[in-house]
Amino acid sequence: MKVNLPTPLIEYTGGIRDVTGEGATLDALLRDLDRQYPGIRFRMIDEQDKVRAHIKLFVNGELERSLKAPLTDRDKIVIVAALSGG
């Protein structure tokens, strides 16, 4: 399925913003992305397997909070990272 990444994560993909991945759930998809782009999952998911506070995951335009959410090959995933700083 297609995954659109925010700017802070494209350093893992060599500058590619739109990537593809596989998985029956959101968690499986993120693990597949980590297999392809080592370290990317840790930037989104913490040590307790929770989505980090500054990351939002959208499936077909709808905010998804559960990593157990089922996915299909036709789904479009958009990952958004909040910007912070001063």
PDB file of N, CA and C in Angstrom:
ATOM      1  N   MET A   1       0.832  -1.177   0.000  1.00  0.00           N
ATOM      2  CA  MET A   1       0.000   0.000   0.000  1.00  0.00           C
ATOM      3  C   MET A   1       0.872   1.233   0.000  1.00  0.00           C
ATOM      4  N   LYS A   2       0.284   2.352  -0.361  1.00  0.00           N
ATOM      5  CA  LYS A   2       1.036   3.601  -0.450  1.00  0.00           C
ATOM      6  C   LYS A   2       1.086   4.294   0.899  1.00  0.00           C
ATOM      7  N   VAL A   3       2.266   4.819   1.217  1.00  0.00           N
ATOM      8  CA  VAL A   3       2.486   5.527   2.474  1.00  0.00           C
ATOM      9  C   VAL A   3       3.160   6.857   2.159  1.00  0.00           C
ATOM     10  N   ASN A   4       2.562   7.949   2.642  1.00  0.00           N
ATOM     11  CA  ASN A   4       3.133   9.281   2.488  1.00  0.00           C
ATOM     12  C   ASN A   4       3.788   9.669   3.799  1.00  0.00           C
ATOM     13  N   LEU A   5       5.078  10.002   3.739  1.00  0.00           N
ATOM     14  CA  LEU A   5       5.869  10.301   4.938  1.00  0.00           C
ATOM     15  C   LEU A   5       6.070  11.799   5.119  1.00  0.00           C
ATOM     16  N   PRO A   6       6.160  12.246   6.378  1.00  0.00           N
ATOM     17  CA  PRO A   6       6.474  13.654   6.628  1.00  0.00           C
ATOM     18  C   PRO A   6       7.973  13.911   6.445  1.00  0.00           C
ATOM     19  N   THR A   7       8.313  15.159   6.289  1.00  0.00           N
ATOM     20  CA  THR A   7       9.709  15.555   6.069  1.00  0.00           C
ATOM     21  C   THR A   7      10.684  14.978   7.105  1.00  0.00           C
ATOM     22  N   PRO A   8      10.352  14.977   8.419  1.00  0.00           N
ATOM     23  CA  PRO A   8      11.340  14.455   9.379  1.00  0.00           C
ATOM     24  C   PRO A   8      11.691  12.972   9.197  1.00  0.00           C
ATOM     25  N   LEU A   9      10.865  12.218   8.447  1.00  0.00           N
ATOM     26  CA  LEU A   9      11.136  10.789   8.285  1.00  0.00           C
ATOM     27  C   LEU A   9      11.802  10.434   6.962  1.00  0.00           C
ATOM     28  N   ILE A  10      11.853  11.369   6.024  1.00  0.00           N
ATOM     29  CA  ILE A  10      12.405  10.994   4.719  1.00  0.00           C
ATOM     30  C   ILE A  10      13.924  10.851   4.731  1.00  0.00           C
ATOM     31  N   GLU A  11      14.553  11.234   5.833  1.00  0.00           N
ATOM     32  CA  GLU A  11      15.994  10.977   5.938  1.00  0.00           C
ATOM     33  C   GLU A  11      16.270   9.475   5.947  1.00  0.00           C
ATOM     34  N   TYR A  12      15.287   8.674   6.364  1.00  0.00           N
ATOM     35  CA  TYR A  12      15.443   7.216   6.392  1.00  0.00           C
ATOM     36  C   TYR A  12      15.257   6.587   5.013  1.00  0.00           C
ATOM     37  N   THR A  13      14.556   7.295   4.118  1.00  0.00           N
ATOM     38  CA  THR A  13      14.223   6.736   2.808  1.00  0.00           C
ATOM     39  C   THR A  13      15.057   7.331   1.684  1.00  0.00           C
ATOM     40  N   GLY A  14      16.091   8.049   2.042  1.00  0.00           N
ATOM     41  CA  GLY A  14      16.917   8.675   1.020  1.00  0.00           C
ATOM     42  C   GLY A  14      16.209   9.825   0.325  1.00  0.00           C
ATOM     43  N   GLY A  15      15.303  10.483   1.047  1.00  0.00           N
ATOM     44  CA  GLY A  15      14.603  11.636   0.490  1.00  0.00           C
ATOM     45  C   GLY A  15      13.297  11.312  -0.206  1.00  0.00           C
ATOM     46  N   ILE A  16      12.904  10.058  -0.213  1.00  0.00           N
ATOM     47  CA  ILE A  16      11.657   9.659  -0.876  1.00  0.00           C
ATOM     48  C   ILE A  16      10.495   9.861   0.087  1.00  0.00           C
ATOM     49  N   ARG A  17       9.501  10.639  -0.333  1.00  0.00           N
ATOM     50  CA  ARG A  17       8.346  10.934   0.515  1.00  0.00           C
ATOM     51  C   ARG A  17       7.244   9.868   0.396  1.00  0.00           C
ATOM     52  N   ASP A  18       7.027   9.336  -0.798  1.00  0.00           N
ATOM     53  CA  ASP A  18       5.985   8.331  -1.009  1.00  0.00           C
ATOM     54  C   ASP A  18       6.633   6.966  -1.190  1.00  0.00           C
ATOM     55  N   VAL A  19       6.338   6.073  -0.247  1.00  0.00           N
ATOM     56  CA  VAL A  19       6.906   4.725  -0.265  1.00  0.00           C
ATOM     57  C   VAL A  19       5.764   3.713  -0.270  1.00  0.00           C
ATOM     58  N   THR A  20       6.101   2.453  -0.412  1.00  0.00           N
ATOM     59  CA  THR A  20       5.101   1.394  -0.330  1.00  0.00           C
ATOM     60  C   THR A  20       5.515   0.407   0.743  1.00  0.00           C
ATOM     61  N   GLY A  21       4.514  -0.234   1.324  1.00  0.00           N
ATOM     62  CA  GLY A  21       4.750  -1.236   2.348  1.00  0.00           C
ATOM     63  C   GLY A  21       3.633  -2.254   2.349  1.00  0.00           C
ATOM     64  N   GLU A  22       3.823  -3.289   3.153  1.00  0.00           N
ATOM     65  CA  GLU A  22       2.844  -4.370   3.254  1.00  0.00           C
ATOM     66  C   GLU A  22       2.529  -4.628   4.712  1.00  0.00           C
ATOM     67  N   GLY A  23       1.325  -5.130   4.946  1.00  0.00           N
ATOM     68  CA  GLY A  23       0.944  -5.519   6.292  1.00  0.00           C
ATOM     69  C   GLY A  23      -0.553  -5.610   6.433  1.00  0.00           C
ATOM     70  N   ALA A  24      -1.002  -6.571   7.217  1.00  0.00           N
ATOM     71  CA  ALA A  24      -2.437  -6.753   7.450  1.00  0.00           C
ATOM     72  C   ALA A  24      -2.966  -5.782   8.502  1.00  0.00           C
ATOM     73  N   THR A  25      -2.047  -5.181   9.279  1.00  0.00           N
ATOM     74  CA  THR A  25      -2.425  -4.200  10.294  1.00  0.00           C
ATOM     75  C   THR A  25      -1.476  -3.012  10.183  1.00  0.00           C
ATOM     76  N   LEU A  26      -1.833  -1.937  10.849  1.00  0.00           N
ATOM     77  CA  LEU A  26      -0.968  -0.760  10.860  1.00  0.00           C
ATOM     78  C   LEU A  26       0.382  -1.092  11.477  1.00  0.00           C
ATOM     79  N   ASP A  27       0.380  -1.890  12.537  1.00  0.00           N
ATOM     80  CA  ASP A  27       1.641  -2.290  13.163  1.00  0.00           C
ATOM     81  C   ASP A  27       2.502  -3.098  12.194  1.00  0.00           C
ATOM     82  N   ALA A  28       1.890  -4.032  11.480  1.00  0.00           N
ATOM     83  CA  ALA A  28       2.641  -4.845  10.519  1.00  0.00           C
ATOM     84  C   ALA A  28       3.214  -3.973   9.402  1.00  0.00           C
ATOM     85  N   LEU A  29       2.461  -2.985   8.975  1.00  0.00           N
ATOM     86  CA  LEU A  29       2.954  -2.065   7.952  1.00  0.00           C
ATOM     87  C   LEU A  29       4.171  -1.292   8.455  1.00  0.00           C
ATOM     88  N   LEU A  30       4.091  -0.764   9.672  1.00  0.00           N
ATOM     89  CA  LEU A  30       5.218  -0.002  10.218  1.00  0.00           C
ATOM     90  C   LEU A  30       6.443  -0.891  10.416  1.00  0.00           C
ATOM     91  N   ARG A  31       6.233  -2.142  10.766  1.00  0.00           N
ATOM     92  CA  ARG A  31       7.355  -3.080  10.889  1.00  0.00           C
ATOM     93  C   ARG A  31       7.976  -3.373   9.518  1.00  0.00           C
ATOM     94  N   ASP A  32       7.126  -3.453   8.487  1.00  0.00           N
ATOM     95  CA  ASP A  32       7.645  -3.654   7.137  1.00  0.00           C
ATOM     96  C   ASP A  32       8.447  -2.431   6.684  1.00  0.00           C
ATOM     97  N   LEU A  33       7.952  -1.240   6.986  1.00  0.00           N
ATOM     98  CA  LEU A  33       8.710  -0.039   6.648  1.00  0.00           C
ATOM     99  C   LEU A  33      10.050  -0.029   7.376  1.00  0.00           C
ATOM    100  N   ASP A  34      10.060  -0.487   8.630  1.00  0.00           N
ATOM    101  CA  ASP A  34      11.306  -0.533   9.391  1.00  0.00           C
ATOM    102  C   ASP A  34      12.278  -1.558   8.808  1.00  0.00           C
ATOM    103  N   ARG A  35      11.752  -2.622   8.254  1.00  0.00           N
ATOM    104  CA  ARG A  35      12.600  -3.612   7.589  1.00  0.00           C
ATOM    105  C   ARG A  35      13.259  -2.979   6.362  1.00  0.00           C
ATOM    106  N   GLN A  36      12.495  -2.186   5.630  1.00  0.00           N
ATOM    107  CA  GLN A  36      13.011  -1.533   4.426  1.00  0.00           C
ATOM    108  C   GLN A  36      13.909  -0.339   4.749  1.00  0.00           C
ATOM    109  N   TYR A  37      13.522   0.391   5.803  1.00  0.00           N
ATOM    110  CA  TYR A  37      14.211   1.625   6.187  1.00  0.00           C
ATOM    111  C   TYR A  37      14.525   1.567   7.675  1.00  0.00           C
ATOM    112  N   PRO A  38      15.583   0.873   8.052  1.00  0.00           N
ATOM    113  CA  PRO A  38      15.891   0.638   9.466  1.00  0.00           C
ATOM    114  C   PRO A  38      15.903   1.920  10.307  1.00  0.00           C
ATOM    115  N   GLY A  39      15.200   1.835  11.455  1.00  0.00           N
ATOM    116  CA  GLY A  39      15.138   2.930  12.402  1.00  0.00           C
ATOM    117  C   GLY A  39      13.915   3.811  12.272  1.00  0.00           C
ATOM    118  N   ILE A  40      13.190   3.709  11.159  1.00  0.00           N
ATOM    119  CA  ILE A  40      12.063   4.612  10.940  1.00  0.00           C
ATOM    120  C   ILE A  40      10.918   4.363  11.929  1.00  0.00           C
ATOM    121  N   ARG A  41      10.685   3.114  12.294  1.00  0.00           N
ATOM    122  CA  ARG A  41       9.582   2.813  13.210  1.00  0.00           C
ATOM    123  C   ARG A  41       9.791   3.449  14.577  1.00  0.00           C
ATOM    124  N   PHE A  42      11.018   3.433  15.069  1.00  0.00           N
ATOM    125  CA  PHE A  42      11.297   3.990  16.394  1.00  0.00           C
ATOM    126  C   PHE A  42      11.010   5.486  16.442  1.00  0.00           C
ATOM    127  N   ARG A  43      11.087   6.166  15.330  1.00  0.00           N
ATOM    128  CA  ARG A  43      10.757   7.595  15.296  1.00  0.00           C
ATOM    129  C   ARG A  43       9.250   7.821  15.415  1.00  0.00           C
ATOM    130  N   MET A  44       8.446   6.771  15.178  1.00  0.00           N
ATOM    131  CA  MET A  44       6.986   6.891  15.245  1.00  0.00           C
ATOM    132  C   MET A  44       6.380   6.191  16.458  1.00  0.00           C
ATOM    133  N   ILE A  45       7.024   5.106  16.899  1.00  0.00           N
ATOM    134  CA  ILE A  45       6.481   4.245  17.950  1.00  0.00           C
ATOM    135  C   ILE A  45       7.475   4.183  19.105  1.00  0.00           C
ATOM    136  N   ASP A  46       6.968   4.349  20.342  1.00  0.00           N
ATOM    137  CA  ASP A  46       7.874   4.368  21.499  1.00  0.00           C
ATOM    138  C   ASP A  46       8.164   2.959  22.014  1.00  0.00           C
ATOM    139  N   GLU A  47       8.898   2.885  23.110  1.00  0.00           N
ATOM    140  CA  GLU A  47       9.314   1.605  23.682  1.00  0.00           C
ATOM    141  C   GLU A  47       8.147   0.778  24.230  1.00  0.00           C
ATOM    142  N   GLN A  48       7.011   1.399  24.462  1.00  0.00           N
ATOM    143  CA  GLN A  48       5.813   0.700  24.954  1.00  0.00           C
ATOM    144  C   GLN A  48       4.861   0.360  23.806  1.00  0.00           C
ATOM    145  N   ASP A  49       5.343   0.428  22.584  1.00  0.00           N
ATOM    146  CA  ASP A  49       4.541   0.178  21.384  1.00  0.00           C
ATOM    147  C   ASP A  49       3.336   1.099  21.283  1.00  0.00           C
ATOM    148  N   LYS A  50       3.525   2.358  21.631  1.00  0.00           N
ATOM    149  CA  LYS A  50       2.499   3.397  21.507  1.00  0.00           C
ATOM    150  C   LYS A  50       2.961   4.410  20.468  1.00  0.00           C
ATOM    151  N   VAL A  51       2.002   4.962  19.750  1.00  0.00           N
ATOM    152  CA  VAL A  51       2.331   6.002  18.783  1.00  0.00           C
ATOM    153  C   VAL A  51       2.831   7.223  19.550  1.00  0.00           C
ATOM    154  N   ARG A  52       3.968   7.748  19.126  1.00  0.00           N
ATOM    155  CA  ARG A  52       4.534   8.922  19.795  1.00  0.00           C
ATOM    156  C   ARG A  52       3.569  10.106  19.687  1.00  0.00           C
ATOM    157  N   ALA A  53       3.589  10.983  20.691  1.00  0.00           N
ATOM    158  CA  ALA A  53       2.630  12.087  20.793  1.00  0.00           C
ATOM    159  C   ALA A  53       2.661  13.019  19.580  1.00  0.00           C
ATOM    160  N   HIS A  54       3.801  13.171  18.963  1.00  0.00           N
ATOM    161  CA  HIS A  54       3.911  14.108  17.843  1.00  0.00           C
ATOM    162  C   HIS A  54       3.587  13.483  16.484  1.00  0.00           C
ATOM    163  N   ILE A  55       3.201  12.210  16.481  1.00  0.00           N
ATOM    164  CA  ILE A  55       2.900  11.499  15.241  1.00  0.00           C
ATOM    165  C   ILE A  55       1.401  11.221  15.150  1.00  0.00           C
ATOM    166  N   LYS A  56       0.833  11.454  13.971  1.00  0.00           N
ATOM    167  CA  LYS A  56      -0.559  11.106  13.682  1.00  0.00           C
ATOM    168  C   LYS A  56      -0.559  10.200  12.460  1.00  0.00           C
ATOM    169  N   LEU A  57      -1.338   9.132  12.531  1.00  0.00           N
ATOM    170  CA  LEU A  57      -1.442   8.166  11.443  1.00  0.00           C
ATOM    171  C   LEU A  57      -2.851   8.246  10.855  1.00  0.00           C
ATOM    172  N   PHE A  58      -2.935   8.460   9.547  1.00  0.00           N
ATOM    173  CA  PHE A  58      -4.213   8.550   8.865  1.00  0.00           C
ATOM    174  C   PHE A  58      -4.333   7.402   7.871  1.00  0.00           C
ATOM    175  N   VAL A  59      -5.472   6.715   7.909  1.00  0.00           N
ATOM    176  CA  VAL A  59      -5.767   5.647   6.961  1.00  0.00           C
ATOM    177  C   VAL A  59      -6.955   6.123   6.139  1.00  0.00           C
ATOM    178  N   ASN A  60      -6.736   6.292   4.844  1.00  0.00           N
ATOM    179  CA  ASN A  60      -7.782   6.779   3.943  1.00  0.00           C
ATOM    180  C   ASN A  60      -8.423   8.064   4.461  1.00  0.00           C
ATOM    181  N   GLY A  61      -7.598   8.958   4.993  1.00  0.00           N
ATOM    182  CA  GLY A  61      -8.068  10.252   5.445  1.00  0.00           C
ATOM    183  C   GLY A  61      -8.639  10.297   6.847  1.00  0.00           C
ATOM    184  N   GLU A  62      -8.709   9.149   7.517  1.00  0.00           N
ATOM    185  CA  GLU A  62      -9.261   9.081   8.872  1.00  0.00           C
ATOM    186  C   GLU A  62      -8.147   8.832   9.885  1.00  0.00           C
ATOM    187  N   LEU A  63      -8.139   9.628  10.961  1.00  0.00           N
ATOM    188  CA  LEU A  63      -7.150   9.433  12.024  1.00  0.00           C
ATOM    189  C   LEU A  63      -7.319   8.058  12.637  1.00  0.00           C
ATOM    190  N   GLU A  64      -6.222   7.305  12.733  1.00  0.00           N
ATOM    191  CA  GLU A  64      -6.251   5.963  13.319  1.00  0.00           C
ATOM    192  C   GLU A  64      -5.322   5.934  14.518  1.00  0.00           C
ATOM    193  N   ARG A  65      -5.848   5.542  15.648  1.00  0.00           N
ATOM    194  CA  ARG A  65      -5.064   5.518  16.878  1.00  0.00           C
ATOM    195  C   ARG A  65      -4.579   4.117  17.263  1.00  0.00           C
ATOM    196  N   SER A  66      -5.176   3.094  16.685  1.00  0.00           N
ATOM    197  CA  SER A  66      -4.823   1.721  17.051  1.00  0.00           C
ATOM    198  C   SER A  66      -3.850   1.111  16.050  1.00  0.00           C
ATOM    199  N   LEU A  67      -2.757   0.581  16.558  1.00  0.00           N
ATOM    200  CA  LEU A  67      -1.815  -0.123  15.691  1.00  0.00           C
ATOM    201  C   LEU A  67      -2.382  -1.460  15.217  1.00  0.00           C
ATOM    202  N   LYS A  68      -3.460  -1.907  15.836  1.00  0.00           N
ATOM    203  CA  LYS A  68      -4.103  -3.161  15.448  1.00  0.00           C
ATOM    204  C   LYS A  68      -5.111  -2.971  14.319  1.00  0.00           C
ATOM    205  N   ALA A  69      -5.283  -1.742  13.855  1.00  0.00           N
ATOM    206  CA  ALA A  69      -6.248  -1.454  12.793  1.00  0.00           C
ATOM    207  C   ALA A  69      -5.928  -2.281  11.548  1.00  0.00           C
ATOM    208  N   PRO A  70      -6.937  -2.958  10.991  1.00  0.00           N
ATOM    209  CA  PRO A  70      -6.703  -3.760   9.792  1.00  0.00           C
ATOM    210  C   PRO A  70      -6.496  -2.883   8.563  1.00  0.00           C
ATOM    211  N   LEU A  71      -5.676  -3.369   7.646  1.00  0.00           N
ATOM    212  CA  LEU A  71      -5.395  -2.654   6.405  1.00  0.00           C
ATOM    213  C   LEU A  71      -5.622  -3.566   5.212  1.00  0.00           C
ATOM    214  N   THR A  72      -5.857  -2.950   4.060  1.00  0.00           N
ATOM    215  CA  THR A  72      -5.914  -3.687   2.793  1.00  0.00           C
ATOM    216  C   THR A  72      -4.904  -3.069   1.838  1.00  0.00           C
ATOM    217  N   ASP A  73      -4.631  -3.752   0.749  1.00  0.00           N
ATOM    218  CA  ASP A  73      -3.665  -3.264  -0.237  1.00  0.00           C
ATOM    219  C   ASP A  73      -4.102  -1.950  -0.870  1.00  0.00           C
ATOM    220  N   ARG A  74      -5.377  -1.644  -0.833  1.00  0.00           N
ATOM    221  CA  ARG A  74      -5.895  -0.420  -1.459  1.00  0.00           C
ATOM    222  C   ARG A  74      -5.826   0.793  -0.546  1.00  0.00           C
ATOM    223  N   ASP A  75      -5.469   0.615   0.714  1.00  0.00           N
ATOM    224  CA  ASP A  75      -5.460   1.726   1.667  1.00  0.00           C
ATOM    225  C   ASP A  75      -4.334   2.710   1.363  1.00  0.00           C
ATOM    226  N   LYS A  76      -4.599   3.977   1.670  1.00  0.00           N
ATOM    227  CA  LYS A  76      -3.615   5.050   1.541  1.00  0.00           C
ATOM    228  C   LYS A  76      -3.304   5.543   2.950  1.00  0.00           C
ATOM    229  N   ILE A  77      -2.045   5.485   3.327  1.00  0.00           N
ATOM    230  CA  ILE A  77      -1.605   5.870   4.656  1.00  0.00           C
ATOM    231  C   ILE A  77      -0.843   7.196   4.575  1.00  0.00           C
ATOM    232  N   VAL A  78      -1.209   8.120   5.433  1.00  0.00           N
ATOM    233  CA  VAL A  78      -0.488   9.391   5.533  1.00  0.00           C
ATOM    234  C   VAL A  78      -0.016   9.520   6.965  1.00  0.00           C
ATOM    235  N   ILE A  79       1.264   9.762   7.133  1.00  0.00           N
ATOM    236  CA  ILE A  79       1.866   9.943   8.451  1.00  0.00           C
ATOM    237  C   ILE A  79       2.210  11.418   8.584  1.00  0.00           C
ATOM    238  N   VAL A  80       1.740  12.008   9.668  1.00  0.00           N
ATOM    239  CA  VAL A  80       1.966  13.428   9.917  1.00  0.00           C
ATOM    240  C   VAL A  80       2.778  13.576  11.203  1.00  0.00           C
ATOM    241  N   ALA A  81       3.784  14.442  11.168  1.00  0.00           N
ATOM    242  CA  ALA A  81       4.594  14.718  12.350  1.00  0.00           C
ATOM    243  C   ALA A  81       4.415  16.186  12.711  1.00  0.00           C
ATOM    244  N   ALA A  82       4.039  16.425  13.954  1.00  0.00           N
ATOM    245  CA  ALA A  82       3.901  17.802  14.428  1.00  0.00           C
ATOM    246  C   ALA A  82       5.278  18.438  14.537  1.00  0.00           C
ATOM    247  N   LEU A  83       5.349  19.685  14.217  1.00  0.00           N
ATOM    248  CA  LEU A  83       6.606  20.419  14.338  1.00  0.00           C
ATOM    249  C   LEU A  83       6.628  21.151  15.664  1.00  0.00           C
ATOM    250  N   SER A  84       7.794  21.228  16.265  1.00  0.00           N
ATOM    251  CA  SER A  84       7.920  21.944  17.529  1.00  0.00           C
ATOM    252  C   SER A  84       9.258  22.664  17.537  1.00  0.00           C
ATOM    253  N   GLY A  85       9.415  23.479  18.512  1.00  0.00           N
ATOM    254  CA  GLY A  85      10.661  24.214  18.620  1.00  0.00           C
ATOM    255  C   GLY A  85      10.369  25.682  18.893  1.00  0.00           C
ATOM    256  N   GLY A  86      11.393  26.466  18.921  1.00  0.00           N
ATOM    257  CA  GLY A  86      11.153  27.876  19.206  1.00  0.00           C
ATOM    258  C   GLY A  86      12.166  28.780  18.591  1.00  0.00           C
TER     259      GLY A  86
END
